[in-house]
Amino acid sequence: MIIRERETPKGLLVSVCDRDVLGETFSEGDVSLTVTEEFYAGEEADEDRVVDGLARATVANLVGERCVALAIDRGFVEEGNVLEVDGTVHAQLLWLNRF
């Protein structure tokens, strides 16, 4: 998995993707999802590193089977809120009034 963290005026933005989806575009009907290097490219990460990033995130974007499954397994994302697009999965995490 690949993780990138950025501090924003609204908090920590974390983007995570599976290596095999980086640079890919997925389209289905009116929905199109491009996993750009500009947004998602960062550091290689194991499960512990991804979980740590998600635990500190204010906002997170995840693309790919492995990272989304990890987020579901660790309770960051509910399976019913995962979007399936053209053979991959995408989830977003937003904490409101977290701090």
C-alpha atoms as a PDB file:
ATOM      1  CA  MET A   1       0.000   0.000   0.000  1.00  0.00           C
ATOM      2  CA  ILE A   2       1.026   3.597  -0.521  1.00  0.00           C
ATOM      3  CA  ILE A   3       0.245   6.387   1.936  1.00  0.00           C
ATOM      4  CA  ARG A   4       0.550  10.142   1.698  1.00  0.00           C
ATOM      5  CA  GLU A   5      -0.154  12.597   4.506  1.00  0.00           C
ATOM      6  CA  ARG A   6      -0.663  16.343   4.166  1.00  0.00           C
ATOM      7  CA  GLU A   7      -1.468  18.939   6.788  1.00  0.00           C
ATOM      8  CA  THR A   8      -4.245  21.266   5.669  1.00  0.00           C
ATOM      9  CA  PRO A   9      -5.959  24.191   7.388  1.00  0.00           C
ATOM     10  CA  LYS A  10      -8.771  21.740   8.248  1.00  0.00           C
ATOM     11  CA  GLY A  11      -6.545  18.970   9.622  1.00  0.00           C
ATOM     12  CA  LEU A  12      -4.599  15.946   8.401  1.00  0.00           C
ATOM     13  CA  LEU A  13      -5.493  14.642   4.930  1.00  0.00           C
ATOM     14  CA  VAL A  14      -4.425  11.033   4.374  1.00  0.00           C
ATOM     15  CA  SER A  15      -4.579   9.300   1.003  1.00  0.00           C
ATOM     16  CA  VAL A  16      -3.985   5.560   0.705  1.00  0.00           C
ATOM     17  CA  CYS A  17      -4.066   3.299  -2.320  1.00  0.00           C
ATOM     18  CA  ASP A  18      -3.007  -0.172  -3.295  1.00  0.00           C
ATOM     19  CA  ARG A  19       0.132  -0.088  -5.452  1.00  0.00           C
ATOM     20  CA  ASP A  20      -1.630  -1.785  -8.396  1.00  0.00           C
ATOM     21  CA  VAL A  21      -4.221   1.005  -8.773  1.00  0.00           C
ATOM     22  CA  LEU A  22      -1.814   3.965  -8.720  1.00  0.00           C
ATOM     23  CA  GLY A  23      -2.073   5.798 -12.044  1.00  0.00           C
ATOM     24  CA  GLU A  24      -5.248   3.963 -13.080  1.00  0.00           C
ATOM     25  CA  THR A  25      -8.644   5.405 -14.009  1.00  0.00           C
ATOM     26  CA  PHE A  26     -11.871   3.582 -13.214  1.00  0.00           C
ATOM     27  CA  SER A  27     -15.148   4.574 -14.872  1.00  0.00           C
ATOM     28  CA  GLU A  28     -18.666   3.266 -14.488  1.00  0.00           C
ATOM     29  CA  GLY A  29     -21.714   5.188 -15.682  1.00  0.00           C
ATOM     30  CA  ASP A  30     -21.439   8.795 -14.527  1.00  0.00           C
ATOM     31  CA  VAL A  31     -18.687   8.005 -12.008  1.00  0.00           C
ATOM     32  CA  SER A  32     -15.003   8.297 -12.838  1.00  0.00           C
ATOM     33  CA  LEU A  33     -12.146   7.811 -10.374  1.00  0.00           C
ATOM     34  CA  THR A  34      -8.529   8.551 -11.293  1.00  0.00           C
ATOM     35  CA  VAL A  35      -5.857   7.490  -8.836  1.00  0.00           C
ATOM     36  CA  THR A  36      -3.337  10.196  -9.673  1.00  0.00           C
ATOM     37  CA  GLU A  37       0.279  10.159  -8.568  1.00  0.00           C
ATOM     38  CA  GLU A  38      -0.130  13.827  -7.665  1.00  0.00           C
ATOM     39  CA  PHE A  39      -2.691  12.970  -4.965  1.00  0.00           C
ATOM     40  CA  TYR A  40      -1.854   9.395  -3.916  1.00  0.00           C
ATOM     41  CA  ALA A  41       1.896   8.911  -4.483  1.00  0.00           C
ATOM     42  CA  GLY A  42       3.803   8.751  -1.215  1.00  0.00           C
ATOM     43  CA  GLU A  43       5.540   6.136   0.894  1.00  0.00           C
ATOM     44  CA  GLU A  44       5.240   2.365   0.855  1.00  0.00           C
ATOM     45  CA  ALA A  45       3.323   1.365   3.958  1.00  0.00           C
ATOM     46  CA  ASP A  46       2.515  -1.787   5.865  1.00  0.00           C
ATOM     47  CA  GLU A  47      -0.787  -2.316   7.667  1.00  0.00           C
ATOM     48  CA  ASP A  48       0.419  -0.772  10.927  1.00  0.00           C
ATOM     49  CA  ARG A  49       1.555   2.406   9.158  1.00  0.00           C
ATOM     50  CA  VAL A  50      -1.779   2.748   7.329  1.00  0.00           C
ATOM     51  CA  VAL A  51      -3.776   2.190  10.526  1.00  0.00           C
ATOM     52  CA  ASP A  52      -1.656   4.808  12.308  1.00  0.00           C
ATOM     53  CA  GLY A  53      -2.285   7.322   9.517  1.00  0.00           C
ATOM     54  CA  LEU A  54      -6.031   6.663   9.481  1.00  0.00           C
ATOM     55  CA  ALA A  55      -6.192   6.996  13.264  1.00  0.00           C
ATOM     56  CA  ARG A  56      -4.672  10.485  13.037  1.00  0.00           C
ATOM     57  CA  ALA A  57      -6.537  11.605   9.904  1.00  0.00           C
ATOM     58  CA  THR A  58      -9.215  14.251   9.790  1.00  0.00           C
ATOM     59  CA  VAL A  59     -10.028  13.245   6.201  1.00  0.00           C
ATOM     60  CA  ALA A  60      -8.905  10.137   4.318  1.00  0.00           C
ATOM     61  CA  ASN A  61      -9.355   8.801   0.785  1.00  0.00           C
ATOM     62  CA  LEU A  62      -8.723   5.130   0.065  1.00  0.00           C
ATOM     63  CA  VAL A  63      -8.660   3.224  -3.229  1.00  0.00           C
ATOM     64  CA  GLY A  64      -8.068  -0.488  -3.721  1.00  0.00           C
ATOM     65  CA  GLU A  65      -9.192  -3.787  -2.259  1.00  0.00           C
ATOM     66  CA  ARG A  66      -6.402  -4.197   0.290  1.00  0.00           C
ATOM     67  CA  CYS A  67      -6.449  -0.762   1.917  1.00  0.00           C
ATOM     68  CA  VAL A  68     -10.245  -0.492   1.940  1.00  0.00           C
ATOM     69  CA  ALA A  69     -10.555  -3.979   3.481  1.00  0.00           C
ATOM     70  CA  LEU A  70      -8.052  -2.942   6.162  1.00  0.00           C
ATOM     71  CA  ALA A  71     -10.038   0.223   6.919  1.00  0.00           C
ATOM     72  CA  ILE A  72     -13.226  -1.846   7.245  1.00  0.00           C
ATOM     73  CA  ASP A  73     -11.528  -4.484   9.399  1.00  0.00           C
ATOM     74  CA  ARG A  74     -10.133  -1.862  11.790  1.00  0.00           C
ATOM     75  CA  GLY A  75     -13.440   0.011  12.083  1.00  0.00           C
ATOM     76  CA  PHE A  76     -12.591   3.186  10.175  1.00  0.00           C
ATOM     77  CA  VAL A  77     -15.079   2.553   7.351  1.00  0.00           C
ATOM     78  CA  GLU A  78     -18.410   0.741   7.238  1.00  0.00           C
ATOM     79  CA  GLU A  79     -18.647  -1.773   4.398  1.00  0.00           C
ATOM     80  CA  GLY A  80     -22.025  -0.376   3.304  1.00  0.00           C
ATOM     81  CA  ASN A  81     -20.395   3.002   2.614  1.00  0.00           C
ATOM     82  CA  VAL A  82     -17.810   1.677   0.161  1.00  0.00           C
ATOM     83  CA  LEU A  83     -18.228   2.688  -3.477  1.00  0.00           C
ATOM     84  CA  GLU A  84     -17.477   0.094  -6.149  1.00  0.00           C
ATOM     85  CA  VAL A  85     -16.285   1.537  -9.461  1.00  0.00           C
ATOM     86  CA  ASP A  86     -15.281  -0.522 -12.466  1.00  0.00           C
ATOM     87  CA  GLY A  87     -13.638  -3.346 -10.537  1.00  0.00           C
ATOM     88  CA  THR A  88     -12.108  -1.432  -7.655  1.00  0.00           C
ATOM     89  CA  VAL A  89     -13.345   0.046  -4.386  1.00  0.00           C
ATOM     90  CA  HIS A  90     -13.162   3.558  -2.959  1.00  0.00           C
ATOM     91  CA  ALA A  91     -13.899   4.866   0.516  1.00  0.00           C
ATOM     92  CA  GLN A  92     -13.710   8.234   2.195  1.00  0.00           C
ATOM     93  CA  LEU A  93     -13.349   8.968   5.865  1.00  0.00           C
ATOM     94  CA  LEU A  94     -14.312  12.268   7.476  1.00  0.00           C
ATOM     95  CA  TRP A  95     -14.255  12.930  11.201  1.00  0.00           C
ATOM     96  CA  LEU A  96     -16.576  15.744  12.263  1.00  0.00           C
ATOM     97  CA  ASN A  97     -15.824  17.572  15.494  1.00  0.00           C
ATOM     98  CA  ARG A  98     -13.052  15.134  16.287  1.00  0.00           C
ATOM     99  CA  PHE A  99     -10.940  17.409  18.441  1.00  0.00           C
END
